[in-house]
Amino acid sequence: MLLLILEKRLLLDEIVFIDTGLEFKEIYDIIDDFEKRINFKITRIKAEKTFEEYFYTVNKQGKRKGQIWGFPYTLGAWCNSRLKLAPANKYFNSIGEHKAIYRNRF
């Protein structure tokens, strides 16, 4: 999507990469290289806590009270909400109005 936006010379205010801290080194290298190639700063945001900190968070209520969050699973996919959505929402709310967000859906 980003390449199409650049190719069509559409107005681009900002590119945001939401870093889970779990990416392969090569992903960071690609982002660094891409940033240089297009001569455009890529804003990088992270969650307030790391994957490991969330992993070992102890449930304070519910049927899993006293247990750690552990690995994400279908009904408890905390990684998306904590490592991607929460930091994204916090950042976008902090900058005010935004019209569109393009993201991949692989």
PDB file of N, CA and C in Angstrom:
ATOM      1  N   MET A   1       0.828  -1.184   0.000  1.00  0.00           N
ATOM      2  CA  MET A   1       0.000   0.000   0.000  1.00  0.00           C
ATOM      3  C   MET A   1       0.874   1.250   0.000  1.00  0.00           C
ATOM      4  N   LEU A   2       1.909   1.253   0.828  1.00  0.00           N
ATOM      5  CA  LEU A   2       2.780   2.419   0.908  1.00  0.00           C
ATOM      6  C   LEU A   2       3.454   2.698  -0.431  1.00  0.00           C
ATOM      7  N   LEU A   3       3.921   1.652  -1.093  1.00  0.00           N
ATOM      8  CA  LEU A   3       4.561   1.844  -2.397  1.00  0.00           C
ATOM      9  C   LEU A   3       3.585   2.440  -3.406  1.00  0.00           C
ATOM     10  N   LEU A   4       2.342   2.009  -3.367  1.00  0.00           N
ATOM     11  CA  LEU A   4       1.319   2.550  -4.266  1.00  0.00           C
ATOM     12  C   LEU A   4       1.068   4.030  -3.970  1.00  0.00           C
ATOM     13  N   ILE A   5       1.004   4.380  -2.703  1.00  0.00           N
ATOM     14  CA  ILE A   5       0.813   5.782  -2.310  1.00  0.00           C
ATOM     15  C   ILE A   5       1.969   6.627  -2.832  1.00  0.00           C
ATOM     16  N   LEU A   6       3.196   6.136  -2.665  1.00  0.00           N
ATOM     17  CA  LEU A   6       4.371   6.867  -3.137  1.00  0.00           C
ATOM     18  C   LEU A   6       4.400   6.948  -4.662  1.00  0.00           C
ATOM     19  N   GLU A   7       4.065   5.845  -5.308  1.00  0.00           N
ATOM     20  CA  GLU A   7       4.064   5.799  -6.769  1.00  0.00           C
ATOM     21  C   GLU A   7       3.067   6.789  -7.359  1.00  0.00           C
ATOM     22  N   LYS A   8       1.908   6.912  -6.737  1.00  0.00           N
ATOM     23  CA  LYS A   8       0.868   7.825  -7.232  1.00  0.00           C
ATOM     24  C   LYS A   8       1.073   9.254  -6.722  1.00  0.00           C
ATOM     25  N   ARG A   9       2.139   9.441  -5.960  1.00  0.00           N
ATOM     26  CA  ARG A   9       2.495  10.754  -5.404  1.00  0.00           C
ATOM     27  C   ARG A   9       1.349  11.371  -4.595  1.00  0.00           C
ATOM     28  N   LEU A  10       0.676  10.526  -3.842  1.00  0.00           N
ATOM     29  CA  LEU A  10      -0.387  11.010  -2.964  1.00  0.00           C
ATOM     30  C   LEU A  10       0.236  11.692  -1.754  1.00  0.00           C
ATOM     31  N   LEU A  11      -0.497  12.623  -1.179  1.00  0.00           N
ATOM     32  CA  LEU A  11      -0.011  13.338  -0.010  1.00  0.00           C
ATOM     33  C   LEU A  11       0.176  12.361   1.144  1.00  0.00           C
ATOM     34  N   LEU A  12       1.331  12.399   1.732  1.00  0.00           N
ATOM     35  CA  LEU A  12       1.653  11.496   2.826  1.00  0.00           C
ATOM     36  C   LEU A  12       2.179  12.323   3.988  1.00  0.00           C
ATOM     37  N   ASP A  13       1.451  12.330   5.093  1.00  0.00           N
ATOM     38  CA  ASP A  13       1.865  13.108   6.254  1.00  0.00           C
ATOM     39  C   ASP A  13       2.854  12.356   7.125  1.00  0.00           C
ATOM     40  N   GLU A  14       2.623  11.069   7.264  1.00  0.00           N
ATOM     41  CA  GLU A  14       3.436  10.312   8.208  1.00  0.00           C
ATOM     42  C   GLU A  14       3.353   8.823   7.898  1.00  0.00           C
ATOM     43  N   ILE A  15       4.444   8.126   8.168  1.00  0.00           N
ATOM     44  CA  ILE A  15       4.477   6.668   8.106  1.00  0.00           C
ATOM     45  C   ILE A  15       4.763   6.203   9.523  1.00  0.00           C
ATOM     46  N   VAL A  16       3.946   5.281  10.023  1.00  0.00           N
ATOM     47  CA  VAL A  16       4.102   4.812  11.399  1.00  0.00           C
ATOM     48  C   VAL A  16       4.342   3.306  11.402  1.00  0.00           C
ATOM     49  N   PHE A  17       5.375   2.905  12.117  1.00  0.00           N
ATOM     50  CA  PHE A  17       5.678   1.485  12.321  1.00  0.00           C
ATOM     51  C   PHE A  17       5.434   1.176  13.789  1.00  0.00           C
ATOM     52  N   ILE A  18       4.559   0.224  14.066  1.00  0.00           N
ATOM     53  CA  ILE A  18       4.266  -0.162  15.443  1.00  0.00           C
ATOM     54  C   ILE A  18       5.121  -1.383  15.762  1.00  0.00           C
ATOM     55  N   ASP A  19       6.112  -1.167  16.595  1.00  0.00           N
ATOM     56  CA  ASP A  19       7.134  -2.169  16.894  1.00  0.00           C
ATOM     57  C   ASP A  19       6.728  -3.012  18.101  1.00  0.00           C
ATOM     58  N   THR A  20       6.502  -4.296  17.880  1.00  0.00           N
ATOM     59  CA  THR A  20       6.147  -5.198  18.982  1.00  0.00           C
ATOM     60  C   THR A  20       7.367  -5.590  19.805  1.00  0.00           C
ATOM     61  N   GLY A  21       8.553  -5.331  19.252  1.00  0.00           N
ATOM     62  CA  GLY A  21       9.775  -5.767  19.916  1.00  0.00           C
ATOM     63  C   GLY A  21      10.098  -7.213  19.599  1.00  0.00           C
ATOM     64  N   LEU A  22       9.277  -7.844  18.772  1.00  0.00           N
ATOM     65  CA  LEU A  22       9.456  -9.256  18.434  1.00  0.00           C
ATOM     66  C   LEU A  22       9.840  -9.456  16.971  1.00  0.00           C
ATOM     67  N   GLU A  23      10.130  -8.366  16.272  1.00  0.00           N
ATOM     68  CA  GLU A  23      10.464  -8.482  14.855  1.00  0.00           C
ATOM     69  C   GLU A  23      11.865  -9.077  14.695  1.00  0.00           C
ATOM     70  N   PHE A  24      12.072  -9.699  13.558  1.00  0.00           N
ATOM     71  CA  PHE A  24      13.410 -10.159  13.205  1.00  0.00           C
ATOM     72  C   PHE A  24      14.278  -8.945  12.907  1.00  0.00           C
ATOM     73  N   LYS A  25      15.578  -9.064  13.134  1.00  0.00           N
ATOM     74  CA  LYS A  25      16.516  -7.977  12.855  1.00  0.00           C
ATOM     75  C   LYS A  25      16.366  -7.490  11.415  1.00  0.00           C
ATOM     76  N   GLU A  26      16.115  -8.408  10.503  1.00  0.00           N
ATOM     77  CA  GLU A  26      15.988  -8.057   9.087  1.00  0.00           C
ATOM     78  C   GLU A  26      14.831  -7.089   8.829  1.00  0.00           C
ATOM     79  N   ILE A  27      13.785  -7.175   9.614  1.00  0.00           N
ATOM     80  CA  ILE A  27      12.658  -6.240   9.464  1.00  0.00           C
ATOM     81  C   ILE A  27      13.116  -4.824   9.778  1.00  0.00           C
ATOM     82  N   TYR A  28      13.868  -4.674  10.868  1.00  0.00           N
ATOM     83  CA  TYR A  28      14.386  -3.350  11.222  1.00  0.00           C
ATOM     84  C   TYR A  28      15.336  -2.839  10.141  1.00  0.00           C
ATOM     85  N   ASP A  29      16.154  -3.734   9.586  1.00  0.00           N
ATOM     86  CA  ASP A  29      17.071  -3.352   8.503  1.00  0.00           C
ATOM     87  C   ASP A  29      16.296  -2.874   7.281  1.00  0.00           C
ATOM     88  N   ILE A  30      15.225  -3.577   6.938  1.00  0.00           N
ATOM     89  CA  ILE A  30      14.399  -3.197   5.786  1.00  0.00           C
ATOM     90  C   ILE A  30      13.773  -1.825   6.015  1.00  0.00           C
ATOM     91  N   ILE A  31      13.273  -1.593   7.215  1.00  0.00           N
ATOM     92  CA  ILE A  31      12.653  -0.298   7.526  1.00  0.00           C
ATOM     93  C   ILE A  31      13.689   0.813   7.445  1.00  0.00           C
ATOM     94  N   ASP A  32      14.879   0.585   8.011  1.00  0.00           N
ATOM     95  CA  ASP A  32      15.953   1.584   7.939  1.00  0.00           C
ATOM     96  C   ASP A  32      16.315   1.888   6.489  1.00  0.00           C
ATOM     97  N   ASP A  33      16.468   0.847   5.687  1.00  0.00           N
ATOM     98  CA  ASP A  33      16.824   1.010   4.278  1.00  0.00           C
ATOM     99  C   ASP A  33      15.718   1.743   3.518  1.00  0.00           C
ATOM    100  N   PHE A  34      14.483   1.355   3.756  1.00  0.00           N
ATOM    101  CA  PHE A  34      13.351   1.975   3.072  1.00  0.00           C
ATOM    102  C   PHE A  34      13.258   3.457   3.417  1.00  0.00           C
ATOM    103  N   GLU A  35      13.469   3.772   4.680  1.00  0.00           N
ATOM    104  CA  GLU A  35      13.428   5.159   5.139  1.00  0.00           C
ATOM    105  C   GLU A  35      14.456   5.999   4.366  1.00  0.00           C
ATOM    106  N   LYS A  36      15.643   5.454   4.175  1.00  0.00           N
ATOM    107  CA  LYS A  36      16.691   6.164   3.425  1.00  0.00           C
ATOM    108  C   LYS A  36      16.325   6.281   1.949  1.00  0.00           C
ATOM    109  N   ARG A  37      15.790   5.212   1.376  1.00  0.00           N
ATOM    110  CA  ARG A  37      15.460   5.210  -0.057  1.00  0.00           C
ATOM    111  C   ARG A  37      14.390   6.229  -0.413  1.00  0.00           C
ATOM    112  N   ILE A  38      13.389   6.360   0.457  1.00  0.00           N
ATOM    113  CA  ILE A  38      12.296   7.289   0.136  1.00  0.00           C
ATOM    114  C   ILE A  38      12.523   8.673   0.745  1.00  0.00           C
ATOM    115  N   ASN A  39      13.596   8.805   1.539  1.00  0.00           N
ATOM    116  CA  ASN A  39      13.934  10.076   2.177  1.00  0.00           C
ATOM    117  C   ASN A  39      12.748  10.629   2.974  1.00  0.00           C
ATOM    118  N   PHE A  40      12.200   9.767   3.825  1.00  0.00           N
ATOM    119  CA  PHE A  40      11.026  10.129   4.624  1.00  0.00           C
ATOM    120  C   PHE A  40      11.152   9.435   5.978  1.00  0.00           C
ATOM    121  N   LYS A  41      11.027  10.202   7.048  1.00  0.00           N
ATOM    122  CA  LYS A  41      11.169   9.631   8.391  1.00  0.00           C
ATOM    123  C   LYS A  41       9.986   8.719   8.717  1.00  0.00           C
ATOM    124  N   ILE A  42      10.291   7.559   9.254  1.00  0.00           N
ATOM    125  CA  ILE A  42       9.263   6.621   9.697  1.00  0.00           C
ATOM    126  C   ILE A  42       9.177   6.706  11.218  1.00  0.00           C
ATOM    127  N   THR A  43       8.013   7.067  11.717  1.00  0.00           N
ATOM    128  CA  THR A  43       7.792   7.146  13.159  1.00  0.00           C
ATOM    129  C   THR A  43       7.668   5.732  13.711  1.00  0.00           C
ATOM    130  N   ARG A  44       8.409   5.451  14.774  1.00  0.00           N
ATOM    131  CA  ARG A  44       8.385   4.118  15.380  1.00  0.00           C
ATOM    132  C   ARG A  44       7.819   4.239  16.786  1.00  0.00           C
ATOM    133  N   ILE A  45       6.779   3.476  17.045  1.00  0.00           N
ATOM    134  CA  ILE A  45       6.186   3.502  18.381  1.00  0.00           C
ATOM    135  C   ILE A  45       6.176   2.092  18.956  1.00  0.00           C
ATOM    136  N   LYS A  46       6.242   2.038  20.280  1.00  0.00           N
ATOM    137  CA  LYS A  46       6.269   0.750  20.986  1.00  0.00           C
ATOM    138  C   LYS A  46       5.261   0.771  22.124  1.00  0.00           C
ATOM    139  N   ALA A  47       4.912  -0.412  22.565  1.00  0.00           N
ATOM    140  CA  ALA A  47       4.042  -0.552  23.734  1.00  0.00           C
ATOM    141  C   ALA A  47       4.810  -0.105  24.978  1.00  0.00           C
ATOM    142  N   GLU A  48       4.063   0.197  26.029  1.00  0.00           N
ATOM    143  CA  GLU A  48       4.698   0.626  27.272  1.00  0.00           C
ATOM    144  C   GLU A  48       5.469  -0.503  27.942  1.00  0.00           C
ATOM    145  N   LYS A  49       5.020  -1.730  27.729  1.00  0.00           N
ATOM    146  CA  LYS A  49       5.696  -2.896  28.296  1.00  0.00           C
ATOM    147  C   LYS A  49       6.145  -3.816  27.167  1.00  0.00           C
ATOM    148  N   THR A  50       7.094  -4.677  27.463  1.00  0.00           N
ATOM    149  CA  THR A  50       7.565  -5.648  26.475  1.00  0.00           C
ATOM    150  C   THR A  50       6.657  -6.874  26.461  1.00  0.00           C
ATOM    151  N   PHE A  51       6.840  -7.712  25.449  1.00  0.00           N
ATOM    152  CA  PHE A  51       6.117  -8.978  25.367  1.00  0.00           C
ATOM    153  C   PHE A  51       6.332  -9.778  26.645  1.00  0.00           C
ATOM    154  N   GLU A  52       7.590  -9.836  27.098  1.00  0.00           N
ATOM    155  CA  GLU A  52       7.918 -10.620  28.287  1.00  0.00           C
ATOM    156  C   GLU A  52       7.216 -10.090  29.535  1.00  0.00           C
ATOM    157  N   GLU A  53       7.143  -8.774  29.662  1.00  0.00           N
ATOM    158  CA  GLU A  53       6.459  -8.195  30.824  1.00  0.00           C
ATOM    159  C   GLU A  53       4.972  -8.563  30.823  1.00  0.00           C
ATOM    160  N   TYR A  54       4.338  -8.487  29.660  1.00  0.00           N
ATOM    161  CA  TYR A  54       2.935  -8.894  29.576  1.00  0.00           C
ATOM    162  C   TYR A  54       2.790 -10.395  29.799  1.00  0.00           C
ATOM    163  N   PHE A  55       3.685 -11.176  29.221  1.00  0.00           N
ATOM    164  CA  PHE A  55       3.641 -12.636  29.337  1.00  0.00           C
ATOM    165  C   PHE A  55       3.569 -13.057  30.803  1.00  0.00           C
ATOM    166  N   TYR A  56       4.388 -12.416  31.647  1.00  0.00           N
ATOM    167  CA  TYR A  56       4.461 -12.797  33.060  1.00  0.00           C
ATOM    168  C   TYR A  56       3.518 -12.010  33.974  1.00  0.00           C
ATOM    169  N   THR A  57       2.637 -11.196  33.381  1.00  0.00           N
ATOM    170  CA  THR A  57       1.643 -10.480  34.177  1.00  0.00           C
ATOM    171  C   THR A  57       0.682 -11.496  34.796  1.00  0.00           C
ATOM    172  N   VAL A  58       0.420 -11.343  36.077  1.00  0.00           N
ATOM    173  CA  VAL A  58      -0.467 -12.270  36.788  1.00  0.00           C
ATOM    174  C   VAL A  58      -1.902 -11.758  36.707  1.00  0.00           C
ATOM    175  N   ASN A  59      -2.822 -12.644  36.310  1.00  0.00           N
ATOM    176  CA  ASN A  59      -4.245 -12.302  36.275  1.00  0.00           C
ATOM    177  C   ASN A  59      -4.725 -12.005  37.688  1.00  0.00           C
ATOM    178  N   LYS A  60      -5.443 -10.913  37.845  1.00  0.00           N
ATOM    179  CA  LYS A  60      -5.916 -10.502  39.168  1.00  0.00           C
ATOM    180  C   LYS A  60      -7.368 -10.884  39.420  1.00  0.00           C
ATOM    181  N   GLN A  61      -8.057 -11.360  38.379  1.00  0.00           N
ATOM    182  CA  GLN A  61      -9.460 -11.744  38.542  1.00  0.00           C
ATOM    183  C   GLN A  61      -9.828 -12.796  37.507  1.00  0.00           C
ATOM    184  N   GLY A  62     -11.027 -13.322  37.623  1.00  0.00           N
ATOM    185  CA  GLY A  62     -11.513 -14.311  36.663  1.00  0.00           C
ATOM    186  C   GLY A  62     -11.052 -15.723  36.981  1.00  0.00           C
ATOM    187  N   LYS A  63     -11.408 -16.646  36.100  1.00  0.00           N
ATOM    188  CA  LYS A  63     -11.095 -18.050  36.370  1.00  0.00           C
ATOM    189  C   LYS A  63      -9.600 -18.355  36.285  1.00  0.00           C
ATOM    190  N   ARG A  64      -8.823 -17.456  35.681  1.00  0.00           N
ATOM    191  CA  ARG A  64      -7.370 -17.653  35.617  1.00  0.00           C
ATOM    192  C   ARG A  64      -6.638 -16.809  36.661  1.00  0.00           C
ATOM    193  N   LYS A  65      -7.359 -16.345  37.676  1.00  0.00           N
ATOM    194  CA  LYS A  65      -6.769 -15.522  38.732  1.00  0.00           C
ATOM    195  C   LYS A  65      -5.555 -16.240  39.321  1.00  0.00           C
ATOM    196  N   GLY A  66      -4.461 -15.475  39.457  1.00  0.00           N
ATOM    197  CA  GLY A  66      -3.237 -16.025  40.024  1.00  0.00           C
ATOM    198  C   GLY A  66      -2.305 -16.643  38.993  1.00  0.00           C
ATOM    199  N   GLN A  67      -2.805 -16.860  37.777  1.00  0.00           N
ATOM    200  CA  GLN A  67      -1.974 -17.425  36.711  1.00  0.00           C
ATOM    201  C   GLN A  67      -1.409 -16.296  35.846  1.00  0.00           C
ATOM    202  N   ILE A  68      -0.260 -16.561  35.225  1.00  0.00           N
ATOM    203  CA  ILE A  68       0.296 -15.562  34.313  1.00  0.00           C
ATOM    204  C   ILE A  68      -0.507 -15.550  33.010  1.00  0.00           C
ATOM    205  N   TRP A  69      -0.397 -14.446  32.274  1.00  0.00           N
ATOM    206  CA  TRP A  69      -1.085 -14.362  30.992  1.00  0.00           C
ATOM    207  C   TRP A  69      -0.575 -15.441  30.056  1.00  0.00           C
ATOM    208  N   GLY A  70       0.723 -15.659  30.039  1.00  0.00           N
ATOM    209  CA  GLY A  70       1.304 -16.707  29.205  1.00  0.00           C
ATOM    210  C   GLY A  70       1.185 -16.430  27.717  1.00  0.00           C
ATOM    211  N   PHE A  71       1.292 -17.507  26.942  1.00  0.00           N
ATOM    212  CA  PHE A  71       1.242 -17.357  25.487  1.00  0.00           C
ATOM    213  C   PHE A  71      -0.146 -16.933  25.030  1.00  0.00           C
ATOM    214  N   PRO A  72      -0.209 -16.022  24.036  1.00  0.00           N
ATOM    215  CA  PRO A  72      -1.502 -15.632  23.480  1.00  0.00           C
ATOM    216  C   PRO A  72      -2.183 -16.836  22.833  1.00  0.00           C
ATOM    217  N   TYR A  73      -3.487 -16.866  22.887  1.00  0.00           N
ATOM    218  CA  TYR A  73      -4.264 -17.930  22.259  1.00  0.00           C
ATOM    219  C   TYR A  73      -5.548 -17.308  21.721  1.00  0.00           C
ATOM    220  N   THR A  74      -6.318 -18.056  20.978  1.00  0.00           N
ATOM    221  CA  THR A  74      -7.480 -17.520  20.265  1.00  0.00           C
ATOM    222  C   THR A  74      -8.384 -16.658  21.142  1.00  0.00           C
ATOM    223  N   LEU A  75      -8.757 -17.146  22.303  1.00  0.00           N
ATOM    224  CA  LEU A  75      -9.664 -16.382  23.171  1.00  0.00           C
ATOM    225  C   LEU A  75      -8.930 -15.395  24.071  1.00  0.00           C
ATOM    226  N   GLY A  76      -7.628 -15.473  24.078  1.00  0.00           N
ATOM    227  CA  GLY A  76      -6.844 -14.572  24.913  1.00  0.00           C
ATOM    228  C   GLY A  76      -5.676 -13.994  24.147  1.00  0.00           C
ATOM    229  N   ALA A  77      -5.975 -13.436  22.983  1.00  0.00           N
ATOM    230  CA  ALA A  77      -4.924 -12.886  22.123  1.00  0.00           C
ATOM    231  C   ALA A  77      -4.550 -11.481  22.587  1.00  0.00           C
ATOM    232  N   TRP A  78      -3.954 -11.414  23.756  1.00  0.00           N
ATOM    233  CA  TRP A  78      -3.605 -10.136  24.360  1.00  0.00           C
ATOM    234  C   TRP A  78      -2.503  -9.409  23.592  1.00  0.00           C
ATOM    235  N   CYS A  79      -1.712 -10.135  22.815  1.00  0.00           N
ATOM    236  CA  CYS A  79      -0.568  -9.509  22.144  1.00  0.00           C
ATOM    237  C   CYS A  79      -1.011  -8.436  21.145  1.00  0.00           C
ATOM    238  N   ASN A  80      -2.084  -8.672  20.402  1.00  0.00           N
ATOM    239  CA  ASN A  80      -2.551  -7.669  19.442  1.00  0.00           C
ATOM    240  C   ASN A  80      -3.045  -6.416  20.145  1.00  0.00           C
ATOM    241  N   SER A  81      -3.850  -6.597  21.181  1.00  0.00           N
ATOM    242  CA  SER A  81      -4.408  -5.429  21.865  1.00  0.00           C
ATOM    243  C   SER A  81      -3.343  -4.664  22.644  1.00  0.00           C
ATOM    244  N   ARG A  82      -2.415  -5.362  23.257  1.00  0.00           N
ATOM    245  CA  ARG A  82      -1.405  -4.699  24.099  1.00  0.00           C
ATOM    246  C   ARG A  82      -0.187  -4.199  23.333  1.00  0.00           C
ATOM    247  N   LEU A  83       0.268  -4.957  22.347  1.00  0.00           N
ATOM    248  CA  LEU A  83       1.508  -4.602  21.654  1.00  0.00           C
ATOM    249  C   LEU A  83       1.293  -3.803  20.370  1.00  0.00           C
ATOM    250  N   LYS A  84       0.101  -3.856  19.804  1.00  0.00           N
ATOM    251  CA  LYS A  84      -0.167  -3.132  18.554  1.00  0.00           C
ATOM    252  C   LYS A  84      -1.259  -2.072  18.719  1.00  0.00           C
ATOM    253  N   LEU A  85      -2.468  -2.507  19.084  1.00  0.00           N
ATOM    254  CA  LEU A  85      -3.606  -1.588  19.094  1.00  0.00           C
ATOM    255  C   LEU A  85      -3.498  -0.494  20.152  1.00  0.00           C
ATOM    256  N   ALA A  86      -3.144  -0.840  21.369  1.00  0.00           N
ATOM    257  CA  ALA A  86      -3.059   0.174  22.432  1.00  0.00           C
ATOM    258  C   ALA A  86      -2.023   1.254  22.109  1.00  0.00           C
ATOM    259  N   PRO A  87      -0.794   0.886  21.713  1.00  0.00           N
ATOM    260  CA  PRO A  87       0.173   1.936  21.373  1.00  0.00           C
ATOM    261  C   PRO A  87      -0.265   2.763  20.159  1.00  0.00           C
ATOM    262  N   ALA A  88      -0.882   2.106  19.174  1.00  0.00           N
ATOM    263  CA  ALA A  88      -1.349   2.832  17.987  1.00  0.00           C
ATOM    264  C   ALA A  88      -2.435   3.829  18.367  1.00  0.00           C
ATOM    265  N   ASN A  89      -3.429   3.380  19.120  1.00  0.00           N
ATOM    266  CA  ASN A  89      -4.515   4.275  19.535  1.00  0.00           C
ATOM    267  C   ASN A  89      -3.996   5.429  20.372  1.00  0.00           C
ATOM    268  N   LYS A  90      -3.092   5.140  21.287  1.00  0.00           N
ATOM    269  CA  LYS A  90      -2.524   6.193  22.136  1.00  0.00           C
ATOM    270  C   LYS A  90      -1.803   7.232  21.281  1.00  0.00           C
ATOM    271  N   TYR A  91      -1.005   6.765  20.342  1.00  0.00           N
ATOM    272  CA  TYR A  91      -0.258   7.682  19.480  1.00  0.00           C
ATOM    273  C   TYR A  91      -1.200   8.499  18.601  1.00  0.00           C
ATOM    274  N   PHE A  92      -2.116   7.835  17.906  1.00  0.00           N
ATOM    275  CA  PHE A  92      -3.002   8.557  16.994  1.00  0.00           C
ATOM    276  C   PHE A  92      -3.911   9.527  17.743  1.00  0.00           C
ATOM    277  N   ASN A  93      -4.356   9.174  18.932  1.00  0.00           N
ATOM    278  CA  ASN A  93      -5.163  10.101  19.729  1.00  0.00           C
ATOM    279  C   ASN A  93      -4.338  11.305  20.167  1.00  0.00           C
ATOM    280  N   SER A  94      -3.038  11.111  20.383  1.00  0.00           N
ATOM    281  CA  SER A  94      -2.180  12.209  20.832  1.00  0.00           C
ATOM    282  C   SER A  94      -1.910  13.230  19.733  1.00  0.00           C
ATOM    283  N   ILE A  95      -2.002  12.812  18.469  1.00  0.00           N
ATOM    284  CA  ILE A  95      -1.712  13.752  17.380  1.00  0.00           C
ATOM    285  C   ILE A  95      -2.968  14.419  16.829  1.00  0.00           C
ATOM    286  N   GLY A  96      -4.114  14.052  17.360  1.00  0.00           N
ATOM    287  CA  GLY A  96      -5.351  14.700  16.937  1.00  0.00           C
ATOM    288  C   GLY A  96      -5.999  14.009  15.760  1.00  0.00           C
ATOM    289  N   GLU A  97      -6.652  14.807  14.933  1.00  0.00           N
ATOM    290  CA  GLU A  97      -7.449  14.267  13.825  1.00  0.00           C
ATOM    291  C   GLU A  97      -6.576  13.523  12.817  1.00  0.00           C
ATOM    292  N   HIS A  98      -7.073  12.393  12.383  1.00  0.00           N
ATOM    293  CA  HIS A  98      -6.425  11.665  11.290  1.00  0.00           C
ATOM    294  C   HIS A  98      -7.523  11.095  10.396  1.00  0.00           C
ATOM    295  N   LYS A  99      -7.277  11.096   9.124  1.00  0.00           N
ATOM    296  CA  LYS A  99      -8.312  10.732   8.154  1.00  0.00           C
ATOM    297  C   LYS A  99      -8.293   9.260   7.777  1.00  0.00           C
ATOM    298  N   ALA A 100      -7.116   8.702   7.571  1.00  0.00           N
ATOM    299  CA  ALA A 100      -7.046   7.316   7.108  1.00  0.00           C
ATOM    300  C   ALA A 100      -5.785   6.653   7.631  1.00  0.00           C
ATOM    301  N   ILE A 101      -5.907   5.390   7.875  1.00  0.00           N
ATOM    302  CA  ILE A 101      -4.764   4.590   8.287  1.00  0.00           C
ATOM    303  C   ILE A 101      -4.694   3.420   7.320  1.00  0.00           C
ATOM    304  N   TYR A 102      -3.563   3.275   6.665  1.00  0.00           N
ATOM    305  CA  TYR A 102      -3.358   2.143   5.770  1.00  0.00           C
ATOM    306  C   TYR A 102      -2.489   1.136   6.492  1.00  0.00           C
ATOM    307  N   ARG A 103      -2.862  -0.118   6.428  1.00  0.00           N
ATOM    308  CA  ARG A 103      -2.054  -1.154   7.063  1.00  0.00           C
ATOM    309  C   ARG A 103      -2.203  -2.442   6.277  1.00  0.00           C
ATOM    310  N   ASN A 104      -1.237  -3.317   6.462  1.00  0.00           N
ATOM    311  CA  ASN A 104      -1.345  -4.597   5.760  1.00  0.00           C
ATOM    312  C   ASN A 104      -2.213  -5.544   6.563  1.00  0.00           C
ATOM    313  N   ARG A 105      -2.768  -6.527   5.891  1.00  0.00           N
ATOM    314  CA  ARG A 105      -3.637  -7.511   6.539  1.00  0.00           C
ATOM    315  C   ARG A 105      -3.200  -8.911   6.127  1.00  0.00           C
ATOM    316  N   PHE A 106      -1.926  -9.236   6.352  1.00  0.00           N
ATOM    317  CA  PHE A 106      -1.423 -10.553   5.967  1.00  0.00           C
ATOM    318  C   PHE A 106      -1.837 -11.601   6.937  1.00  0.00           C
TER     319      PHE A 106
END
